Amino acid sequence: MPTARFLEVIGGEGFAEPSPRPMFPNPPGLLRVEPYSPGLRERIWWGAGTRATAEWTARQGMNLMSSTLLTEDTGVPFHQLQAEQIQRFRDTWAEAGHARTPRVSVSRSVFPLVSELDFRYFGLETRSTDQVGHIDGGVARFGKTYAGEPEQLVKELGEDEAVAAADTLLLTVPNQLGVDYNAHVLESVLRYVAPELGWR
């Protein structure tokens, strides 16, 4: 399995045959990746789109990334399905007996509406809801966009079970709107939303 081999190699296992005529003496046996980074193996994240792939990620000993899309649908709201995915990941991690504590991240699109330009770009997204669609022939559930005045965002994000369960929140930004506008969005989240939710 390619992923398992990748994890072995970055963990320091030798894999490359040394040159028969090296410029400098090699240690005996197969060569490992250089420069070697102790602890890299524990800093690998895997993007899992289903509950089953989250469990697989845990068995491999990788941290979990979960996006604004899950390639399955059980009929419950997106944040609840994603929270179940996170719980299954953590349960499987514990069953696997890994020594360290894993990390979990989720992604959200969050747009505080604090300027006229914000309302022009994202005012219609205040009515955003989960979407169910099809990807590669299968059902998928897409999470809503969080757009609204700061007080409303604090309320809605405070009720998001997956955000509460995760260690890290990644904010998706509309890069086509440019650096200055995206810096404004991030600053608005940090100024008006994060403190009210106790984020740091």
Protein backbone atom coordinates (compact mmCIF):
# COMPACT_ATOMS: atom_id res chain seq x y z
CA MET A 1 0.00 0.00 0.00
CA PRO A 2 1.55 3.34 -1.05
CA THR A 3 0.41 5.28 2.05
CA ALA A 4 1.79 2.68 4.44
CA ARG A 5 5.11 2.70 2.59
CA PHE A 6 5.23 6.49 2.66
CA LEU A 7 4.70 6.47 6.43
CA GLU A 8 7.45 3.90 6.90
CA VAL A 9 9.89 5.93 4.82
CA ILE A 10 9.29 9.26 6.55
CA GLY A 11 9.58 7.41 9.85
CA GLY A 12 13.24 6.76 9.02
CA GLU A 13 13.15 3.31 7.46
CA GLY A 14 15.82 2.77 4.80
CA PHE A 15 14.48 2.33 1.27
CA ALA A 16 17.09 3.43 -1.32
CA GLU A 17 20.00 1.38 -2.58
CA PRO A 18 23.25 3.34 -2.07
CA SER A 19 25.37 4.22 -5.06
CA PRO A 20 28.12 1.65 -5.67
CA ARG A 21 30.51 4.59 -6.16
CA PRO A 22 29.41 7.24 -3.62
CA MET A 23 31.15 10.60 -3.32
CA PHE A 24 31.15 10.11 0.46
CA PRO A 25 30.99 6.91 2.54
CA ASN A 26 27.46 5.65 3.22
CA PRO A 27 26.26 3.83 6.32
CA PRO A 28 25.58 0.13 5.78
CA GLY A 29 22.22 -0.97 4.38
CA LEU A 30 19.49 0.96 2.61
CA LEU A 31 19.45 4.75 2.80
CA ARG A 32 16.65 6.74 4.42
CA VAL A 33 15.16 10.06 3.30
CA GLU A 34 17.52 12.94 3.99
CA PRO A 35 17.38 15.35 5.61
CA TYR A 36 15.64 13.17 8.17
CA SER A 37 13.06 14.94 10.35
CA PRO A 38 12.39 13.22 13.68
CA GLY A 39 8.70 13.50 14.49
CA LEU A 40 7.59 14.10 10.89
CA ARG A 41 5.62 10.87 11.00
CA GLU A 42 3.45 12.38 13.75
CA ARG A 43 2.81 15.58 11.80
CA ILE A 44 1.10 13.98 8.79
CA TRP A 45 -2.56 14.87 8.16
CA TRP A 46 -5.04 12.92 6.04
CA GLY A 47 -8.15 14.41 4.47
CA ALA A 48 -10.98 11.95 5.10
CA GLY A 49 -14.31 12.35 3.31
CA THR A 50 -16.31 9.66 5.12
CA ARG A 51 -16.68 8.08 8.53
CA ALA A 52 -14.99 4.93 7.23
CA THR A 53 -11.95 6.79 5.88
CA ALA A 54 -11.70 8.64 9.19
CA GLU A 55 -11.46 5.28 10.95
CA TRP A 56 -8.82 4.15 8.43
CA THR A 57 -6.88 7.38 9.07
CA ALA A 58 -6.88 6.65 12.80
CA ARG A 59 -5.59 3.12 12.29
CA GLN A 60 -2.67 4.52 10.25
CA GLY A 61 -1.82 6.95 13.07
CA MET A 62 -2.36 10.14 11.06
CA ASN A 63 -4.07 13.36 12.12
CA LEU A 64 -7.53 13.98 10.66
CA MET A 65 -8.55 16.79 8.31
CA SER A 66 -12.25 17.10 7.46
CA SER A 67 -13.39 19.65 4.92
CA THR A 68 -16.67 21.39 4.03
CA LEU A 69 -17.68 18.28 2.09
CA LEU A 70 -18.39 14.69 3.09
CA THR A 71 -18.82 12.07 0.39
CA GLU A 72 -21.70 10.39 2.20
CA ASP A 73 -25.02 11.45 3.63
CA THR A 74 -27.12 9.98 6.44
CA GLY A 75 -29.81 12.65 6.47
CA VAL A 76 -28.51 14.52 9.52
CA PRO A 77 -27.12 18.07 9.32
CA PHE A 78 -23.56 18.34 8.00
CA HIS A 79 -22.04 19.41 11.31
CA GLN A 80 -23.57 16.44 13.11
CA LEU A 81 -22.37 13.96 10.49
CA GLN A 82 -18.90 15.49 10.69
CA ALA A 83 -18.97 15.34 14.50
CA GLU A 84 -19.78 11.63 14.23
CA GLN A 85 -16.86 11.24 11.82
CA ILE A 86 -14.55 12.89 14.38
CA GLN A 87 -15.83 10.70 17.21
CA ARG A 88 -15.33 7.54 15.17
CA PHE A 89 -11.81 8.70 14.36
CA ARG A 90 -11.00 9.21 18.05
CA ASP A 91 -12.61 5.93 19.10
CA THR A 92 -10.64 4.01 16.47
CA TRP A 93 -7.45 5.83 17.49
CA ALA A 94 -7.94 4.68 21.08
CA GLU A 95 -8.66 1.10 19.96
CA ALA A 96 -5.47 1.11 17.85
CA GLY A 97 -3.43 1.91 20.96
CA HIS A 98 -1.39 4.79 19.56
CA ALA A 99 0.71 6.46 22.24
CA ARG A 100 0.16 10.08 21.28
CA THR A 101 -2.94 12.26 21.12
CA PRO A 102 -4.04 13.01 17.54
CA ARG A 103 -5.18 16.34 16.13
CA VAL A 104 -8.38 17.03 14.19
CA SER A 105 -9.17 19.99 11.93
CA VAL A 106 -12.39 21.02 10.22
CA SER A 107 -12.90 23.68 7.57
CA ARG A 108 -15.61 26.33 7.39
CA SER A 109 -16.49 29.27 5.14
CA VAL A 110 -17.12 32.16 7.55
CA PHE A 111 -17.94 35.69 6.41
CA PRO A 112 -18.82 38.35 9.00
CA LEU A 113 -20.90 41.02 7.29
CA VAL A 114 -19.45 44.24 8.71
CA SER A 115 -19.12 46.43 5.60
CA GLU A 116 -21.14 47.33 2.53
CA LEU A 117 -18.73 45.30 0.41
CA ASP A 118 -19.27 42.24 2.63
CA PHE A 119 -23.03 42.51 2.08
CA ARG A 120 -22.55 42.88 -1.66
CA TYR A 121 -20.36 39.80 -1.88
CA PHE A 122 -22.03 37.52 0.66
CA GLY A 123 -25.37 39.03 1.68
CA LEU A 124 -27.32 36.33 -0.14
CA GLU A 125 -25.35 33.62 1.71
CA THR A 126 -27.13 34.51 4.95
CA ARG A 127 -29.76 32.00 3.81
CA SER A 128 -27.18 29.28 3.10
CA THR A 129 -28.04 25.73 4.12
CA ASP A 130 -26.42 22.32 3.73
CA GLN A 131 -26.55 20.95 0.19
CA VAL A 132 -26.83 17.33 -0.91
CA GLY A 133 -25.42 16.45 -4.31
CA HIS A 134 -23.49 13.84 -6.26
CA ILE A 135 -19.72 13.43 -6.72
CA ASP A 136 -18.21 10.58 -8.74
CA GLY A 137 -21.56 8.83 -8.82
CA GLY A 138 -22.08 8.93 -5.07
CA VAL A 139 -24.10 11.09 -2.69
CA ALA A 140 -22.28 13.90 -0.91
CA ARG A 141 -23.24 16.47 1.71
CA PHE A 142 -21.81 19.99 1.55
CA GLY A 143 -21.69 22.21 4.61
CA LYS A 144 -23.34 25.61 4.63
CA THR A 145 -21.57 28.94 4.28
CA TYR A 146 -21.60 30.95 7.50
CA ALA A 147 -22.39 34.52 6.47
CA GLY A 148 -24.11 37.10 8.65
CA GLU A 149 -23.65 39.80 11.20
CA PRO A 150 -21.15 38.83 13.91
CA GLU A 151 -23.74 38.13 16.62
CA GLN A 152 -25.54 35.67 14.35
CA LEU A 153 -22.29 33.94 13.40
CA VAL A 154 -21.34 33.54 17.05
CA LYS A 155 -24.70 31.87 17.71
CA GLU A 156 -24.55 29.56 14.66
CA LEU A 157 -20.91 28.55 15.07
CA GLY A 158 -21.48 28.00 18.77
CA GLU A 159 -24.06 25.36 17.81
CA ASP A 160 -21.76 23.62 15.29
CA GLU A 161 -20.94 20.26 16.90
CA ALA A 162 -17.98 19.49 14.64
CA VAL A 163 -16.33 22.86 15.23
CA ALA A 164 -16.68 22.23 18.96
CA ALA A 165 -15.18 18.73 18.61
CA ALA A 166 -12.17 19.77 16.49
CA ASP A 167 -8.80 21.00 17.71
CA THR A 168 -8.29 23.37 14.78
CA LEU A 169 -10.62 25.38 12.55
CA LEU A 170 -9.40 26.14 9.02
CA LEU A 171 -11.11 29.06 7.28
CA THR A 172 -11.68 28.75 3.55
CA VAL A 173 -11.31 32.04 1.70
CA PRO A 174 -12.37 33.18 -1.78
CA ASN A 175 -8.88 33.72 -3.21
CA GLN A 176 -10.33 35.15 -6.43
CA LEU A 177 -11.35 38.24 -4.44
CA GLY A 178 -7.73 39.13 -3.75
CA VAL A 179 -5.37 39.41 -0.82
CA ASP A 180 -6.73 42.65 0.63
CA TYR A 181 -10.32 41.45 0.83
CA ASN A 182 -9.34 38.10 2.31
CA ALA A 183 -7.18 39.83 4.91
CA HIS A 184 -10.27 41.86 5.80
CA VAL A 185 -12.36 38.68 6.16
CA LEU A 186 -9.80 37.05 8.44
CA GLU A 187 -9.42 40.20 10.51
CA SER A 188 -13.21 40.40 10.90
CA VAL A 189 -13.37 36.81 12.14
CA LEU A 190 -10.55 37.46 14.59
CA ARG A 191 -12.02 40.73 15.83
CA TYR A 192 -15.75 40.05 15.98
CA VAL A 193 -16.29 36.28 16.15
CA ALA A 194 -13.32 34.44 17.64
CA PRO A 195 -13.21 36.26 21.02
CA GLU A 196 -16.91 35.61 21.65
CA LEU A 197 -16.42 31.90 21.07
CA GLY A 198 -13.22 31.65 23.10
CA TRP A 199 -11.12 30.75 20.05
CA ARG A 200 -7.40 31.36 20.22
